[in-house]
Each structure stands twice: as C-alpha cells, then as structure tokens.
PDB file of N, CA and C in Angstrom:
ATOM      1  N   UNK A   1      54.845  29.874 -65.877  1.00  0.00           N
ATOM      2  CA  UNK A   1      54.186  30.175 -67.018  1.00  0.00           C
ATOM      3  C   UNK A   1      54.184  31.654 -67.310  1.00  0.00           C
ATOM      4  N   UNK A   2      54.097  32.059 -68.543  1.00  0.00           N
ATOM      5  CA  UNK A   2      54.198  33.481 -69.030  1.00  0.00           C
ATOM      6  C   UNK A   2      52.901  34.232 -68.512  1.00  0.00           C
ATOM      7  N   UNK A   3      53.012  35.413 -68.242  1.00  0.00           N
ATOM      8  CA  UNK A   3      51.840  36.243 -67.827  1.00  0.00           C
ATOM      9  C   UNK A   3      51.308  36.905 -69.096  1.00  0.00           C
ATOM     10  N   UNK A   4      50.002  36.933 -69.210  1.00  0.00           N
ATOM     11  CA  UNK A   4      49.323  37.555 -70.395  1.00  0.00           C
ATOM     12  C   UNK A   4      49.645  39.116 -70.317  1.00  0.00           C
ATOM     13  N   UNK A   5      50.089  39.432 -71.482  1.00  0.00           N
ATOM     14  CA  UNK A   5      50.377  40.976 -71.501  1.00  0.00           C
ATOM     15  C   UNK A   5      49.814  41.494 -72.854  1.00  0.00           C
ATOM     16  N   UNK A   6      50.612  42.508 -73.369  1.00  0.00           N
ATOM     17  CA  UNK A   6      50.239  43.051 -74.695  1.00  0.00           C
ATOM     18  C   UNK A   6      50.433  41.972 -75.697  1.00  0.00           C
ATOM     19  N   UNK A   7      49.566  42.005 -76.688  1.00  0.00           N
ATOM     20  CA  UNK A   7      49.763  41.067 -77.817  1.00  0.00           C
ATOM     21  C   UNK A   7      50.643  41.645 -78.867  1.00  0.00           C
ATOM     22  N   UNK A   8      51.852  41.116 -78.824  1.00  0.00           N
ATOM     23  CA  UNK A   8      52.954  41.709 -79.690  1.00  0.00           C
ATOM     24  C   UNK A   8      53.473  40.677 -80.704  1.00  0.00           C
ATOM     25  N   UNK A   9      53.021  40.794 -81.856  1.00  0.00           N
ATOM     26  CA  UNK A   9      53.456  39.761 -82.896  1.00  0.00           C
ATOM     27  C   UNK A   9      54.978  39.502 -82.936  1.00  0.00           C
ATOM     28  N   UNK A  10      55.837  40.315 -82.566  1.00  0.00           N
ATOM     29  CA  UNK A  10      57.222  40.213 -82.676  1.00  0.00           C
ATOM     30  C   UNK A  10      57.757  39.434 -81.348  1.00  0.00           C
ATOM     31  N   UNK A  11      56.912  39.235 -80.486  1.00  0.00           N
ATOM     32  CA  UNK A  11      57.298  38.447 -79.198  1.00  0.00           C
ATOM     33  C   UNK A  11      57.321  36.892 -79.589  1.00  0.00           C
ATOM     34  N   UNK A  12      57.937  36.174 -78.651  1.00  0.00           N
ATOM     35  CA  UNK A  12      58.029  34.709 -78.901  1.00  0.00           C
ATOM     36  C   UNK A  12      56.582  34.091 -78.961  1.00  0.00           C
ATOM     37  N   UNK A  13      56.392  33.218 -79.950  1.00  0.00           N
ATOM     38  CA  UNK A  13      55.173  32.546 -80.076  1.00  0.00           C
ATOM     39  C   UNK A  13      55.210  31.273 -80.965  1.00  0.00           C
ATOM     40  N   UNK A  14      54.239  30.527 -80.938  1.00  0.00           N
ATOM     41  CA  UNK A  14      54.039  29.267 -81.813  1.00  0.00           C
ATOM     42  C   UNK A  14      53.101  29.584 -82.878  1.00  0.00           C
ATOM     43  N   UNK A  15      53.399  29.038 -84.036  1.00  0.00           N
ATOM     44  CA  UNK A  15      52.429  29.253 -85.121  1.00  0.00           C
ATOM     45  C   UNK A  15      51.799  28.054 -85.674  1.00  0.00           C
ATOM     46  N   UNK A  16      50.539  28.198 -86.140  1.00  0.00           N
ATOM     47  CA  UNK A  16      49.696  27.157 -86.683  1.00  0.00           C
ATOM     48  C   UNK A  16      49.094  27.734 -88.050  1.00  0.00           C
ATOM     49  N   UNK A  17      48.779  26.863 -88.913  1.00  0.00           N
ATOM     50  CA  UNK A  17      48.137  27.351 -90.031  1.00  0.00           C
ATOM     51  C   UNK A  17      46.684  26.890 -90.049  1.00  0.00           C
ATOM     52  N   UNK A  18      45.888  27.701 -90.684  1.00  0.00           N
ATOM     53  CA  UNK A  18      44.422  27.219 -90.839  1.00  0.00           C
ATOM     54  C   UNK A  18      44.012  27.610 -92.246  1.00  0.00           C
ATOM     55  N   UNK A  19      42.924  27.018 -92.635  1.00  0.00           N
ATOM     56  CA  UNK A  19      42.346  27.091 -93.968  1.00  0.00           C
ATOM     57  C   UNK A  19      41.342  28.274 -94.147  1.00  0.00           C
ATOM     58  N   UNK A  20      40.817  28.811 -92.989  1.00  0.00           N
ATOM     59  CA  UNK A  20      39.793  29.837 -93.064  1.00  0.00           C
ATOM     60  C   UNK A  20      40.043  30.902 -91.972  1.00  0.00           C
ATOM     61  N   UNK A  21      40.705  31.912 -92.428  1.00  0.00           N
ATOM     62  CA  UNK A  21      40.926  33.129 -91.434  1.00  0.00           C
ATOM     63  C   UNK A  21      39.733  33.677 -91.035  1.00  0.00           C
ATOM     64  N   UNK A  22      38.629  33.719 -91.848  1.00  0.00           N
ATOM     65  CA  UNK A  22      37.318  34.291 -91.597  1.00  0.00           C
ATOM     66  C   UNK A  22      36.635  33.369 -90.446  1.00  0.00           C
ATOM     67  N   UNK A  23      36.748  32.124 -90.599  1.00  0.00           N
ATOM     68  CA  UNK A  23      36.080  31.286 -89.640  1.00  0.00           C
ATOM     69  C   UNK A  23      36.862  31.399 -88.230  1.00  0.00           C
ATOM     70  N   UNK A  24      38.179  31.578 -88.269  1.00  0.00           N
ATOM     71  CA  UNK A  24      38.950  31.662 -87.141  1.00  0.00           C
ATOM     72  C   UNK A  24      38.633  32.948 -86.319  1.00  0.00           C
ATOM     73  N   UNK A  25      38.438  34.102 -87.137  1.00  0.00           N
ATOM     74  CA  UNK A  25      38.059  35.467 -86.634  1.00  0.00           C
ATOM     75  C   UNK A  25      36.843  35.388 -85.944  1.00  0.00           C
ATOM     76  N   UNK A  26      35.818  34.744 -86.635  1.00  0.00           N
ATOM     77  CA  UNK A  26      34.480  34.557 -86.123  1.00  0.00           C
ATOM     78  C   UNK A  26      34.465  33.851 -84.788  1.00  0.00           C
ATOM     79  N   UNK A  27      35.237  32.835 -84.656  1.00  0.00           N
ATOM     80  CA  UNK A  27      35.398  31.945 -83.512  1.00  0.00           C
ATOM     81  C   UNK A  27      35.994  32.781 -82.293  1.00  0.00           C
ATOM     82  N   UNK A  28      37.112  33.484 -82.610  1.00  0.00           N
ATOM     83  CA  UNK A  28      37.761  34.268 -81.572  1.00  0.00           C
ATOM     84  C   UNK A  28      36.812  35.305 -81.001  1.00  0.00           C
ATOM     85  N   UNK A  29      36.083  36.085 -81.924  1.00  0.00           N
ATOM     86  CA  UNK A  29      35.037  37.017 -81.467  1.00  0.00           C
ATOM     87  C   UNK A  29      33.950  36.304 -80.613  1.00  0.00           C
ATOM     88  N   UNK A  30      33.488  35.204 -81.122  1.00  0.00           N
ATOM     89  CA  UNK A  30      32.458  34.471 -80.363  1.00  0.00           C
ATOM     90  C   UNK A  30      32.912  34.160 -78.936  1.00  0.00           C
ATOM     91  N   UNK A  31      34.176  33.719 -78.835  1.00  0.00           N
ATOM     92  CA  UNK A  31      34.646  33.378 -77.565  1.00  0.00           C
ATOM     93  C   UNK A  31      35.274  34.523 -76.718  1.00  0.00           C
ATOM     94  N   UNK A  32      35.106  35.726 -77.311  1.00  0.00           N
ATOM     95  CA  UNK A  32      35.500  36.817 -76.551  1.00  0.00           C
ATOM     96  C   UNK A  32      37.035  36.978 -76.306  1.00  0.00           C
ATOM     97  N   UNK A  33      37.823  36.355 -77.247  1.00  0.00           N
ATOM     98  CA  UNK A  33      39.307  36.260 -77.128  1.00  0.00           C
ATOM     99  C   UNK A  33      39.866  37.499 -77.875  1.00  0.00           C
ATOM    100  N   UNK A  34      40.690  38.281 -77.282  1.00  0.00           N
ATOM    101  CA  UNK A  34      41.389  39.425 -77.755  1.00  0.00           C
ATOM    102  C   UNK A  34      42.459  39.034 -78.798  1.00  0.00           C
ATOM    103  N   UNK A  35      42.481  39.677 -79.957  1.00  0.00           N
ATOM    104  CA  UNK A  35      43.518  39.261 -80.913  1.00  0.00           C
ATOM    105  C   UNK A  35      43.925  40.425 -81.655  1.00  0.00           C
ATOM    106  N   UNK A  36      45.188  40.292 -82.317  1.00  0.00           N
ATOM    107  CA  UNK A  36      45.602  41.359 -83.232  1.00  0.00           C
ATOM    108  C   UNK A  36      45.819  40.607 -84.625  1.00  0.00           C
ATOM    109  N   UNK A  37      45.505  41.319 -85.733  1.00  0.00           N
ATOM    110  CA  UNK A  37      45.541  40.875 -87.018  1.00  0.00           C
ATOM    111  C   UNK A  37      46.776  41.583 -87.709  1.00  0.00           C
ATOM    112  N   UNK A  38      47.475  40.873 -88.616  1.00  0.00           N
ATOM    113  CA  UNK A  38      48.519  41.390 -89.330  1.00  0.00           C
ATOM    114  C   UNK A  38      48.402  40.816 -90.725  1.00  0.00           C
ATOM    115  N   UNK A  39      48.829  41.541 -91.695  1.00  0.00           N
ATOM    116  CA  UNK A  39      49.051  41.127 -93.022  1.00  0.00           C
ATOM    117  C   UNK A  39      50.517  41.388 -93.552  1.00  0.00           C
ATOM    118  N   UNK A  40      51.249  40.296 -93.912  1.00  0.00           N
ATOM    119  CA  UNK A  40      52.635  40.583 -94.181  1.00  0.00           C
ATOM    120  C   UNK A  40      52.838  40.151 -95.605  1.00  0.00           C
ATOM    121  N   UNK A  41      53.879  40.761 -96.328  1.00  0.00           N
ATOM    122  CA  UNK A  41      54.218  40.405 -97.657  1.00  0.00           C
ATOM    123  C   UNK A  41      55.590  40.026 -97.724  1.00  0.00           C
ATOM    124  N   UNK A  42      55.850  38.940 -98.425  1.00  0.00           N
ATOM    125  CA  UNK A  42      57.188  38.516 -98.621  1.00  0.00           C
ATOM    126  C   UNK A  42      57.298  38.030-100.055  1.00  0.00           C
ATOM    127  N   UNK A  43      58.182  38.714-100.826  1.00  0.00           N
ATOM    128  CA  UNK A  43      58.444  38.152-102.205  1.00  0.00           C
ATOM    129  C   UNK A  43      57.038  38.331-102.997  1.00  0.00           C
ATOM    130  N   UNK A  44      56.169  39.236-102.791  1.00  0.00           N
ATOM    131  CA  UNK A  44      54.891  39.279-103.424  1.00  0.00           C
ATOM    132  C   UNK A  44      53.806  38.386-103.040  1.00  0.00           C
ATOM    133  N   UNK A  45      54.164  37.603-101.970  1.00  0.00           N
ATOM    134  CA  UNK A  45      53.147  36.714-101.460  1.00  0.00           C
ATOM    135  C   UNK A  45      52.593  37.279-100.097  1.00  0.00           C
ATOM    136  N   UNK A  46      51.269  37.352-100.004  1.00  0.00           N
ATOM    137  CA  UNK A  46      50.716  37.852 -98.741  1.00  0.00           C
ATOM    138  C   UNK A  46      50.250  36.881 -97.799  1.00  0.00           C
ATOM    139  N   UNK A  47      50.456  36.973 -96.538  1.00  0.00           N
ATOM    140  CA  UNK A  47      50.031  36.063 -95.529  1.00  0.00           C
ATOM    141  C   UNK A  47      49.212  36.893 -94.420  1.00  0.00           C
ATOM    142  N   UNK A  48      48.032  36.306 -94.157  1.00  0.00           N
ATOM    143  CA  UNK A  48      47.216  36.858 -93.084  1.00  0.00           C
ATOM    144  C   UNK A  48      47.481  36.202 -91.792  1.00  0.00           C
ATOM    145  N   UNK A  49      47.751  36.986 -90.702  1.00  0.00           N
ATOM    146  CA  UNK A  49      48.019  36.415 -89.435  1.00  0.00           C
ATOM    147  C   UNK A  49      47.143  36.875 -88.292  1.00  0.00           C
ATOM    148  N   UNK A  50      46.783  36.157 -87.391  1.00  0.00           N
ATOM    149  CA  UNK A  50      46.156  36.535 -86.193  1.00  0.00           C
ATOM    150  C   UNK A  50      46.984  36.055 -84.904  1.00  0.00           C
ATOM    151  N   UNK A  51      47.094  36.868 -83.982  1.00  0.00           N
ATOM    152  CA  UNK A  51      47.835  36.632 -82.753  1.00  0.00           C
ATOM    153  C   UNK A  51      46.959  36.670 -81.578  1.00  0.00           C
ATOM    154  N   UNK A  52      47.061  35.766 -80.595  1.00  0.00           N
ATOM    155  CA  UNK A  52      46.459  35.870 -79.243  1.00  0.00           C
ATOM    156  C   UNK A  52      47.037  35.057 -78.336  1.00  0.00           C
ATOM    157  N   UNK A  53      46.638  35.107 -77.048  1.00  0.00           N
ATOM    158  CA  UNK A  53      47.122  34.423 -76.025  1.00  0.00           C
ATOM    159  C   UNK A  53      46.206  33.124 -75.663  1.00  0.00           C
ATOM    160  N   UNK A  54      46.922  32.110 -75.360  1.00  0.00           N
ATOM    161  CA  UNK A  54      46.072  30.921 -74.981  1.00  0.00           C
ATOM    162  C   UNK A  54      45.880  31.132 -73.403  1.00  0.00           C
ATOM    163  N   UNK A  55      44.972  30.193 -72.875  1.00  0.00           N
ATOM    164  CA  UNK A  55      44.606  30.438 -71.464  1.00  0.00           C
ATOM    165  C   UNK A  55      45.737  30.473 -70.495  1.00  0.00           C
ATOM    166  N   UNK A  56      46.930  29.911 -70.843  1.00  0.00           N
ATOM    167  CA  UNK A  56      48.053  29.861 -69.993  1.00  0.00           C
ATOM    168  C   UNK A  56      49.021  31.051 -70.255  1.00  0.00           C
ATOM    169  N   UNK A  57      48.652  31.992 -71.224  1.00  0.00           N
ATOM    170  CA  UNK A  57      49.423  33.170 -71.422  1.00  0.00           C
ATOM    171  C   UNK A  57      50.389  32.996 -72.590  1.00  0.00           C
ATOM    172  N   UNK A  58      50.488  31.915 -73.265  1.00  0.00           N
ATOM    173  CA  UNK A  58      51.338  31.668 -74.341  1.00  0.00           C
ATOM    174  C   UNK A  58      50.784  32.369 -75.719  1.00  0.00           C
ATOM    175  N   UNK A  59      51.725  33.003 -76.440  1.00  0.00           N
ATOM    176  CA  UNK A  59      51.248  33.667 -77.624  1.00  0.00           C
ATOM    177  C   UNK A  59      51.194  32.598 -78.662  1.00  0.00           C
ATOM    178  N   UNK A  60      49.893  32.720 -79.453  1.00  0.00           N
ATOM    179  CA  UNK A  60      49.586  31.869 -80.478  1.00  0.00           C
ATOM    180  C   UNK A  60      49.534  32.644 -81.855  1.00  0.00           C
ATOM    181  N   UNK A  61      50.096  32.199 -82.880  1.00  0.00           N
ATOM    182  CA  UNK A  61      49.825  32.762 -84.229  1.00  0.00           C
ATOM    183  C   UNK A  61      49.147  31.830 -85.029  1.00  0.00           C
ATOM    184  N   UNK A  62      47.955  32.225 -85.761  1.00  0.00           N
ATOM    185  CA  UNK A  62      47.431  31.320 -86.790  1.00  0.00           C
ATOM    186  C   UNK A  62      47.503  32.107 -87.997  1.00  0.00           C
ATOM    187  N   UNK A  63      47.892  31.429 -89.112  1.00  0.00           N
ATOM    188  CA  UNK A  63      48.101  32.236 -90.333  1.00  0.00           C
ATOM    189  C   UNK A  63      47.509  31.255 -91.600  1.00  0.00           C
ATOM    190  N   UNK A  64      47.437  31.908 -92.729  1.00  0.00           N
ATOM    191  CA  UNK A  64      47.117  31.175 -93.849  1.00  0.00           C
ATOM    192  C   UNK A  64      48.432  30.958 -94.627  1.00  0.00           C
ATOM    193  N   UNK A  65      49.460  30.510 -93.908  1.00  0.00           N
ATOM    194  CA  UNK A  65      50.817  30.419 -94.507  1.00  0.00           C
ATOM    195  C   UNK A  65      50.893  29.280 -95.566  1.00  0.00           C
ATOM    196  N   UNK A  66      49.919  28.560 -95.900  1.00  0.00           N
ATOM    197  CA  UNK A  66      49.968  27.775 -97.095  1.00  0.00           C
ATOM    198  C   UNK A  66      50.300  28.472 -98.283  1.00  0.00           C
ATOM    199  N   UNK A  67      50.200  29.807 -98.291  1.00  0.00           N
ATOM    200  CA  UNK A  67      50.500  30.622 -99.553  1.00  0.00           C
ATOM    201  C   UNK A  67      52.101  30.637 -99.727  1.00  0.00           C
ATOM    202  N   UNK A  68      52.785  30.249 -98.607  1.00  0.00           N
ATOM    203  CA  UNK A  68      54.208  30.464 -98.802  1.00  0.00           C
ATOM    204  C   UNK A  68      54.801  29.130 -99.224  1.00  0.00           C
ATOM    205  N   UNK A  69      55.810  29.075-100.174  1.00  0.00           N
ATOM    206  CA  UNK A  69      56.442  27.906-100.548  1.00  0.00           C
ATOM    207  C   UNK A  69      57.253  27.362 -99.317  1.00  0.00           C
ATOM    208  N   UNK A  70      57.405  26.012 -99.385  1.00  0.00           N
ATOM    209  CA  UNK A  70      58.290  25.379 -98.357  1.00  0.00           C
ATOM    210  C   UNK A  70      59.600  25.266 -99.039  1.00  0.00           C
ATOM    211  N   UNK A  71      60.664  25.601 -98.255  1.00  0.00           N
ATOM    212  CA  UNK A  71      62.032  25.574 -98.811  1.00  0.00           C
ATOM    213  C   UNK A  71      62.499  24.117 -98.763  1.00  0.00           C
ATOM    214  N   UNK A  72      62.805  23.728-100.112  1.00  0.00           N
ATOM    215  CA  UNK A  72      63.155  22.149-100.105  1.00  0.00           C
ATOM    216  C   UNK A  72      64.529  21.819 -99.487  1.00  0.00           C
ATOM    217  N   UNK A  73      64.521  20.607 -99.025  1.00  0.00           N
ATOM    218  CA  UNK A  73      65.849  20.057 -98.663  1.00  0.00           C
ATOM    219  C   UNK A  73      66.380  19.604 -99.994  1.00  0.00           C
ATOM    220  N   UNK A  74      67.778  19.711-100.079  1.00  0.00           N
ATOM    221  CA  UNK A  74      68.510  19.383-101.415  1.00  0.00           C
ATOM    222  C   UNK A  74      67.913  18.133-101.955  1.00  0.00           C
ATOM    223  N   UNK A  75      67.480  18.161-103.321  1.00  0.00           N
ATOM    224  CA  UNK A  75      66.971  17.034-103.967  1.00  0.00           C
ATOM    225  C   UNK A  75      65.496  16.830-103.926  1.00  0.00           C
ATOM    226  N   UNK A  76      64.721  17.637-103.200  1.00  0.00           N
ATOM    227  CA  UNK A  76      63.314  17.513-103.052  1.00  0.00           C
ATOM    228  C   UNK A  76      62.664  18.588-103.832  1.00  0.00           C
ATOM    229  N   UNK A  77      61.452  18.324-104.297  1.00  0.00           N
ATOM    230  CA  UNK A  77      60.729  19.313-105.129  1.00  0.00           C
ATOM    231  C   UNK A  77      60.214  20.409-104.129  1.00  0.00           C
ATOM    232  N   UNK A  78      60.036  21.535-104.678  1.00  0.00           N
ATOM    233  CA  UNK A  78      59.395  22.647-103.941  1.00  0.00           C
ATOM    234  C   UNK A  78      57.952  22.339-103.823  1.00  0.00           C
ATOM    235  N   UNK A  79      57.375  22.497-102.723  1.00  0.00           N
ATOM    236  CA  UNK A  79      56.006  22.206-102.433  1.00  0.00           C
ATOM    237  C   UNK A  79      55.370  23.325-101.416  1.00  0.00           C
ATOM    238  N   UNK A  80      54.188  23.313-101.348  1.00  0.00           N
ATOM    239  CA  UNK A  80      53.421  24.092-100.444  1.00  0.00           C
ATOM    240  C   UNK A  80      52.733  23.296 -99.450  1.00  0.00           C
ATOM    241  N   UNK A  81      52.222  23.856 -98.302  1.00  0.00           N
ATOM    242  CA  UNK A  81      51.606  23.174 -97.244  1.00  0.00           C
ATOM    243  C   UNK A  81      50.187  22.784 -97.655  1.00  0.00           C
ATOM    244  N   UNK A  82      49.528  23.558 -98.520  1.00  0.00           N
ATOM    245  CA  UNK A  82      48.226  23.395 -98.761  1.00  0.00           C
ATOM    246  C   UNK A  82      47.880  22.058 -99.435  1.00  0.00           C
ATOM    247  N   UNK A  83      46.638  21.421 -99.202  1.00  0.00           N
ATOM    248  CA  UNK A  83      46.362  20.139 -99.910  1.00  0.00           C
ATOM    249  C   UNK A  83      46.181  20.335-101.480  1.00  0.00           C
ATOM    250  N   UNK A  84      45.760  21.569-101.829  1.00  0.00           N
ATOM    251  CA  UNK A  84      45.615  21.855-103.314  1.00  0.00           C
ATOM    252  C   UNK A  84      46.974  21.867-103.948  1.00  0.00           C
ATOM    253  N   UNK A  85      47.971  22.464-103.331  1.00  0.00           N
ATOM    254  CA  UNK A  85      49.318  22.551-103.801  1.00  0.00           C
ATOM    255  C   UNK A  85      49.954  21.145-103.771  1.00  0.00           C
ATOM    256  N   UNK A  86      49.705  20.453-102.757  1.00  0.00           N
ATOM    257  CA  UNK A  86      50.163  19.016-102.608  1.00  0.00           C
ATOM    258  C   UNK A  86      49.674  18.123-103.804  1.00  0.00           C
ATOM    259  N   UNK A  87      48.358  18.372-104.132  1.00  0.00           N
ATOM    260  CA  UNK A  87      47.742  17.522-105.223  1.00  0.00           C
ATOM    261  C   UNK A  87      48.401  18.008-106.596  1.00  0.00           C
ATOM    262  N   UNK A  88      48.664  19.335-106.779  1.00  0.00           N
ATOM    263  CA  UNK A  88      49.299  19.871-108.001  1.00  0.00           C
ATOM    264  C   UNK A  88      50.547  19.321-108.164  1.00  0.00           C
ATOM    265  N   UNK A  89      51.330  19.153-107.001  1.00  0.00           N
ATOM    266  CA  UNK A  89      52.709  18.686-106.981  1.00  0.00           C
ATOM    267  C   UNK A  89      52.729  17.248-107.421  1.00  0.00           C
ATOM    268  N   UNK A  90      51.824  16.434-106.773  1.00  0.00           N
ATOM    269  CA  UNK A  90      51.723  15.057-107.140  1.00  0.00           C
ATOM    270  C   UNK A  90      51.433  14.853-108.579  1.00  0.00           C
ATOM    271  N   UNK A  91      50.557  15.663-109.301  1.00  0.00           N
ATOM    272  CA  UNK A  91      50.369  15.551-110.598  1.00  0.00           C
ATOM    273  C   UNK A  91      51.520  15.893-111.421  1.00  0.00           C
ATOM    274  N   UNK A  92      52.211  16.886-111.055  1.00  0.00           N
ATOM    275  CA  UNK A  92      53.502  17.174-111.884  1.00  0.00           C
ATOM    276  C   UNK A  92      54.605  16.016-111.676  1.00  0.00           C
ATOM    277  N   UNK A  93      54.723  15.477-110.453  1.00  0.00           N
ATOM    278  CA  UNK A  93      55.674  14.468-110.270  1.00  0.00           C
ATOM    279  C   UNK A  93      55.249  13.174-111.125  1.00  0.00           C
ATOM    280  N   UNK A  94      53.904  12.912-111.108  1.00  0.00           N
ATOM    281  CA  UNK A  94      53.478  11.641-111.885  1.00  0.00           C
ATOM    282  C   UNK A  94      53.651  11.985-113.369  1.00  0.00           C
ATOM    283  N   UNK A  95      53.553  13.159-113.796  1.00  0.00           N
ATOM    284  CA  UNK A  95      53.696  13.426-115.222  1.00  0.00           C
ATOM    285  C   UNK A  95      55.234  13.263-115.590  1.00  0.00           C
ATOM    286  N   UNK A  96      56.108  13.830-114.654  1.00  0.00           N
ATOM    287  CA  UNK A  96      57.557  13.679-114.919  1.00  0.00           C
ATOM    288  C   UNK A  96      57.999  12.246-114.935  1.00  0.00           C
ATOM    289  N   UNK A  97      57.445  11.470-114.040  1.00  0.00           N
ATOM    290  CA  UNK A  97      57.696  10.022-113.967  1.00  0.00           C
ATOM    291  C   UNK A  97      57.263   9.289-115.219  1.00  0.00           C
ATOM    292  N   UNK A  98      56.163   9.671-115.796  1.00  0.00           N
ATOM    293  CA  UNK A  98      55.629   9.103-117.021  1.00  0.00           C
ATOM    294  C   UNK A  98      56.595   9.486-118.173  1.00  0.00           C
ATOM    295  N   UNK A  99      56.968  10.686-118.209  1.00  0.00           N
ATOM    296  CA  UNK A  99      57.911  11.152-119.306  1.00  0.00           C
ATOM    297  C   UNK A  99      59.275  10.447-119.228  1.00  0.00           C
ATOM    298  N   UNK A 100      59.719  10.155-117.985  1.00  0.00           N
ATOM    299  CA  UNK A 100      60.930   9.427-117.697  1.00  0.00           C
ATOM    300  C   UNK A 100      60.848   7.945-118.391  1.00  0.00           C
ATOM    301  N   UNK A 101      59.743   7.347-118.044  1.00  0.00           N
ATOM    302  CA  UNK A 101      59.444   6.021-118.487  1.00  0.00           C
ATOM    303  C   UNK A 101      59.366   5.956-120.013  1.00  0.00           C
ATOM    304  N   UNK A 102      58.695   6.919-120.525  1.00  0.00           N
ATOM    305  CA  UNK A 102      58.571   7.041-122.072  1.00  0.00           C
ATOM    306  C   UNK A 102      60.037   7.162-122.601  1.00  0.00           C
ATOM    307  N   UNK A 103      60.766   8.200-122.030  1.00  0.00           N
ATOM    308  CA  UNK A 103      62.190   8.266-122.479  1.00  0.00           C
ATOM    309  C   UNK A 103      62.947   7.007-122.437  1.00  0.00           C
ATOM    310  N   UNK A 104      62.877   6.282-121.397  1.00  0.00           N
ATOM    311  CA  UNK A 104      63.651   5.136-121.149  1.00  0.00           C
ATOM    312  C   UNK A 104      63.150   3.956-122.114  1.00  0.00           C
ATOM    313  N   UNK A 105      61.823   3.958-122.386  1.00  0.00           N
ATOM    314  CA  UNK A 105      61.323   2.909-123.320  1.00  0.00           C
ATOM    315  C   UNK A 105      61.782   3.170-124.805  1.00  0.00           C
ATOM    316  N   UNK A 106      61.917   4.459-125.159  1.00  0.00           N
ATOM    317  CA  UNK A 106      62.361   4.856-126.493  1.00  0.00           C
ATOM    318  C   UNK A 106      63.961   4.553-126.642  1.00  0.00           C
ATOM    319  N   UNK A 107      64.655   4.602-125.580  1.00  0.00           N
ATOM    320  CA  UNK A 107      66.099   4.348-125.622  1.00  0.00           C
ATOM    321  C   UNK A 107      66.380   2.963-125.732  1.00  0.00           C
ATOM    322  N   UNK A 108      65.521   2.002-125.249  1.00  0.00           N
ATOM    323  CA  UNK A 108      65.776   0.532-125.382  1.00  0.00           C
ATOM    324  C   UNK A 108      65.209  -0.078-126.742  1.00  0.00           C
ATOM    325  N   UNK A 109      64.560   0.704-127.556  1.00  0.00           N
ATOM    326  CA  UNK A 109      64.049   0.262-128.841  1.00  0.00           C
ATOM    327  C   UNK A 109      65.090   0.151-129.897  1.00  0.00           C
TER     328      UNK A 109
END
C-alpha cells in the first residue's frame, strides 16, 4: 500500500464528483483530514477540486466536475454529469423527437 506523503494533486489519484464542495470541506475539517484545494479552468469552465489521502494512503480527488461537458462517443449527444444537465438534455431530445414526428407526418400527407 502507498505511504501517506505530501498531498500533490499531480500525483496518481482517483477522482469522484460531489454536488456540494462546501459540505465536503466542512466534513473533512470535522474529521480532521488534511486536504489541498485547487481551482482549475479549462476552456472558460472552472472546476473546484479537493485532494486528500484515504486511510490506506491512496490519493483521492473530489470535484464539482459536473461543470465539464462529457466528450461524446460518435453519434451520441453532448451531455454533462449533473442531474440538471441530464434533465435539460432529455428535454432537448424529446423536443427533437417531437419535431421529427411532426416532420414525418407532414411528409405523408
């Protein structure tokens, strides 16, 4: 198992997302867990990150990465990880499907 050392965000780690970075920070402080915060920007999108070691010494990253778009597999719509973004995507897809049905029905008239 890895030894706990310096918290280095560029070191190997596993990442998870959460909905409330404020609640996460409060919990880490409450538990006395040392952590490092980072804010990164990519293409005008900002992501908050917190890094810490689990009890076995593995580096963990928690982020609000639902701000980042998911890169689609060819033929799939662009979507985001957040529930709100998924709901918006579903609404767009439903609207597109309705428009396609309307278009097909006018072609058969």
